N, C-alpha and C. Protein backbone atom coordinates (compact mmCIF):
# COMPACT_ATOMS: atom_id res chain seq x y z
N MET A 1 -25.78 -0.34 5.49
CA MET A 1 -24.42 -0.74 5.20
C MET A 1 -24.38 -1.42 3.83
N VAL A 2 -23.48 -0.93 3.00
CA VAL A 2 -23.44 -1.45 1.63
C VAL A 2 -22.01 -1.67 1.14
N ILE A 3 -21.89 -2.58 0.17
CA ILE A 3 -20.68 -2.73 -0.63
C ILE A 3 -20.99 -2.06 -1.95
N TYR A 4 -20.07 -1.25 -2.44
CA TYR A 4 -20.33 -0.51 -3.67
C TYR A 4 -19.14 -0.61 -4.63
N LYS A 5 -19.42 -0.26 -5.87
CA LYS A 5 -18.39 -0.19 -6.89
C LYS A 5 -18.42 1.20 -7.48
N THR A 6 -17.28 1.89 -7.46
CA THR A 6 -17.15 3.18 -8.11
C THR A 6 -16.37 2.95 -9.40
N THR A 7 -16.94 3.40 -10.52
CA THR A 7 -16.33 3.20 -11.83
C THR A 7 -15.93 4.54 -12.42
N ASN A 8 -14.69 4.60 -12.91
CA ASN A 8 -14.22 5.76 -13.65
C ASN A 8 -14.76 5.60 -15.07
N LEU A 9 -15.64 6.51 -15.49
CA LEU A 9 -16.29 6.41 -16.79
C LEU A 9 -15.36 6.75 -17.94
N VAL A 10 -14.21 7.34 -17.65
CA VAL A 10 -13.25 7.70 -18.68
C VAL A 10 -12.37 6.51 -19.06
N ASN A 11 -11.83 5.82 -18.04
CA ASN A 11 -10.89 4.74 -18.33
C ASN A 11 -11.37 3.35 -17.89
N GLY A 12 -12.54 3.27 -17.28
CA GLY A 12 -13.11 1.98 -16.90
C GLY A 12 -12.56 1.35 -15.64
N LYS A 13 -11.63 2.01 -14.98
CA LYS A 13 -11.08 1.45 -13.74
C LYS A 13 -12.14 1.49 -12.65
N ILE A 14 -12.09 0.47 -11.75
CA ILE A 14 -13.09 0.38 -10.70
C ILE A 14 -12.45 0.38 -9.31
N TYR A 15 -13.26 0.75 -8.32
CA TYR A 15 -12.88 0.73 -6.92
C TYR A 15 -14.01 0.05 -6.18
N ILE A 16 -13.71 -0.96 -5.37
CA ILE A 16 -14.70 -1.64 -4.54
C ILE A 16 -14.50 -1.15 -3.11
N GLY A 17 -15.59 -0.78 -2.45
CA GLY A 17 -15.48 -0.29 -1.08
C GLY A 17 -16.73 -0.59 -0.28
N LYS A 18 -16.71 -0.15 0.97
CA LYS A 18 -17.85 -0.33 1.87
C LYS A 18 -18.23 1.01 2.46
N ASP A 19 -19.50 1.16 2.78
CA ASP A 19 -20.01 2.39 3.37
C ASP A 19 -21.04 2.02 4.42
N LYS A 20 -20.74 2.28 5.67
CA LYS A 20 -21.65 1.95 6.76
C LYS A 20 -22.94 2.76 6.70
N TYR A 21 -22.88 3.94 6.13
CA TYR A 21 -24.02 4.86 6.16
C TYR A 21 -24.75 4.98 4.83
N ASN A 22 -24.27 4.32 3.80
CA ASN A 22 -24.87 4.35 2.47
C ASN A 22 -25.08 5.79 1.99
N ASN A 23 -24.05 6.60 2.09
CA ASN A 23 -24.09 7.98 1.65
C ASN A 23 -23.97 8.03 0.12
N PRO A 24 -25.00 8.50 -0.59
CA PRO A 24 -24.96 8.48 -2.05
C PRO A 24 -23.88 9.38 -2.65
N LYS A 25 -23.40 10.38 -1.91
CA LYS A 25 -22.36 11.29 -2.42
C LYS A 25 -20.95 10.74 -2.21
N TYR A 26 -20.81 9.71 -1.38
CA TYR A 26 -19.50 9.15 -1.06
C TYR A 26 -19.06 8.21 -2.17
N LEU A 27 -17.95 8.54 -2.82
CA LEU A 27 -17.43 7.70 -3.90
C LEU A 27 -16.35 6.74 -3.43
N GLY A 28 -15.79 6.98 -2.26
CA GLY A 28 -14.73 6.13 -1.73
C GLY A 28 -13.59 6.95 -1.20
N SER A 29 -12.62 6.26 -0.62
CA SER A 29 -11.45 6.92 -0.08
C SER A 29 -10.20 6.26 -0.65
N GLY A 30 -9.09 6.72 -0.24
CA GLY A 30 -7.84 6.18 -0.74
C GLY A 30 -7.16 7.17 -1.65
N LYS A 31 -5.86 7.19 -1.58
CA LYS A 31 -5.06 8.18 -2.30
C LYS A 31 -5.27 8.10 -3.82
N ILE A 32 -5.23 6.91 -4.38
CA ILE A 32 -5.32 6.76 -5.83
C ILE A 32 -6.70 7.20 -6.33
N LEU A 33 -7.76 6.80 -5.62
CA LEU A 33 -9.10 7.20 -6.03
C LEU A 33 -9.27 8.71 -5.93
N LYS A 34 -8.79 9.31 -4.86
CA LYS A 34 -8.92 10.77 -4.69
C LYS A 34 -8.16 11.51 -5.79
N LEU A 35 -6.97 11.02 -6.15
CA LEU A 35 -6.22 11.64 -7.24
C LEU A 35 -6.99 11.53 -8.56
N ALA A 36 -7.61 10.39 -8.79
CA ALA A 36 -8.38 10.19 -10.02
C ALA A 36 -9.59 11.12 -10.06
N ILE A 37 -10.28 11.28 -8.93
CA ILE A 37 -11.43 12.18 -8.87
C ILE A 37 -10.99 13.61 -9.14
N ASN A 38 -9.85 14.01 -8.58
CA ASN A 38 -9.33 15.35 -8.83
C ASN A 38 -8.97 15.53 -10.31
N LYS A 39 -8.43 14.49 -10.92
CA LYS A 39 -8.00 14.57 -12.32
C LYS A 39 -9.18 14.60 -13.28
N TYR A 40 -10.15 13.69 -13.09
CA TYR A 40 -11.24 13.52 -14.04
C TYR A 40 -12.54 14.24 -13.65
N GLY A 41 -12.67 14.61 -12.38
CA GLY A 41 -13.89 15.26 -11.90
C GLY A 41 -14.93 14.25 -11.43
N LYS A 42 -15.70 14.61 -10.40
CA LYS A 42 -16.69 13.71 -9.82
C LYS A 42 -17.73 13.24 -10.84
N GLY A 43 -18.02 14.09 -11.82
CA GLY A 43 -19.03 13.74 -12.81
C GLY A 43 -18.64 12.58 -13.71
N ASN A 44 -17.38 12.20 -13.69
CA ASN A 44 -16.90 11.08 -14.51
C ASN A 44 -16.79 9.79 -13.71
N PHE A 45 -17.49 9.72 -12.58
CA PHE A 45 -17.50 8.52 -11.75
C PHE A 45 -18.93 8.11 -11.47
N ASN A 46 -19.16 6.81 -11.44
CA ASN A 46 -20.48 6.26 -11.16
C ASN A 46 -20.37 5.31 -9.98
N LYS A 47 -21.28 5.45 -9.02
CA LYS A 47 -21.30 4.56 -7.85
C LYS A 47 -22.50 3.63 -7.98
N GLU A 48 -22.23 2.35 -7.83
CA GLU A 48 -23.26 1.32 -7.94
C GLU A 48 -23.25 0.46 -6.68
N ILE A 49 -24.41 0.26 -6.07
CA ILE A 49 -24.52 -0.59 -4.89
C ILE A 49 -24.50 -2.05 -5.35
N LEU A 50 -23.57 -2.82 -4.80
CA LEU A 50 -23.45 -4.23 -5.15
C LEU A 50 -24.20 -5.13 -4.19
N GLU A 51 -24.20 -4.74 -2.89
CA GLU A 51 -24.83 -5.61 -1.89
C GLU A 51 -25.11 -4.81 -0.62
N GLU A 52 -26.23 -5.12 0.02
CA GLU A 52 -26.55 -4.55 1.32
C GLU A 52 -26.20 -5.59 2.39
N CYS A 53 -25.66 -5.11 3.51
CA CYS A 53 -25.25 -6.01 4.59
C CYS A 53 -25.95 -5.60 5.88
N ASN A 54 -26.20 -6.61 6.75
CA ASN A 54 -26.92 -6.37 8.00
C ASN A 54 -26.02 -6.19 9.20
N SER A 55 -24.75 -6.55 9.09
CA SER A 55 -23.84 -6.40 10.22
C SER A 55 -22.48 -5.92 9.72
N GLU A 56 -21.73 -5.33 10.62
CA GLU A 56 -20.40 -4.84 10.26
C GLU A 56 -19.46 -5.99 9.90
N GLU A 57 -19.61 -7.12 10.58
CA GLU A 57 -18.78 -8.29 10.28
C GLU A 57 -19.06 -8.79 8.86
N HIS A 58 -20.32 -8.89 8.51
CA HIS A 58 -20.70 -9.32 7.17
C HIS A 58 -20.20 -8.32 6.13
N LEU A 59 -20.32 -7.03 6.44
CA LEU A 59 -19.84 -5.97 5.55
C LEU A 59 -18.35 -6.13 5.28
N ASN A 60 -17.57 -6.32 6.32
CA ASN A 60 -16.11 -6.47 6.17
C ASN A 60 -15.75 -7.71 5.37
N ASN A 61 -16.42 -8.82 5.65
CA ASN A 61 -16.15 -10.08 4.93
C ASN A 61 -16.50 -9.99 3.45
N ARG A 62 -17.64 -9.38 3.15
CA ARG A 62 -18.07 -9.27 1.76
C ARG A 62 -17.19 -8.31 0.96
N GLU A 63 -16.71 -7.25 1.60
CA GLU A 63 -15.80 -6.33 0.91
C GLU A 63 -14.53 -7.07 0.48
N ILE A 64 -13.96 -7.83 1.39
CA ILE A 64 -12.75 -8.60 1.08
C ILE A 64 -13.04 -9.60 -0.03
N TRP A 65 -14.16 -10.31 0.05
CA TRP A 65 -14.51 -11.30 -0.96
C TRP A 65 -14.66 -10.65 -2.33
N MET A 66 -15.34 -9.51 -2.39
CA MET A 66 -15.57 -8.85 -3.68
C MET A 66 -14.28 -8.29 -4.28
N ILE A 67 -13.40 -7.81 -3.44
CA ILE A 67 -12.11 -7.28 -3.94
C ILE A 67 -11.30 -8.41 -4.55
N ASN A 68 -11.32 -9.56 -3.89
CA ASN A 68 -10.58 -10.71 -4.40
C ASN A 68 -11.22 -11.22 -5.67
């Protein structure tokens, strides 16, 4: 379980999210992010692991903290 940051390499915008399975191909979800991926292409996004979590509760709390 990880908290990650997906960065648009074209415009520098970022998305903070969580992934229970730490799938390296998963860039995130959400309408705005999906539209951006369609517009710029997956190759223009970078995913960086910010933190590993040991429980779902910790994962949820850290995602909220990092977004804020």
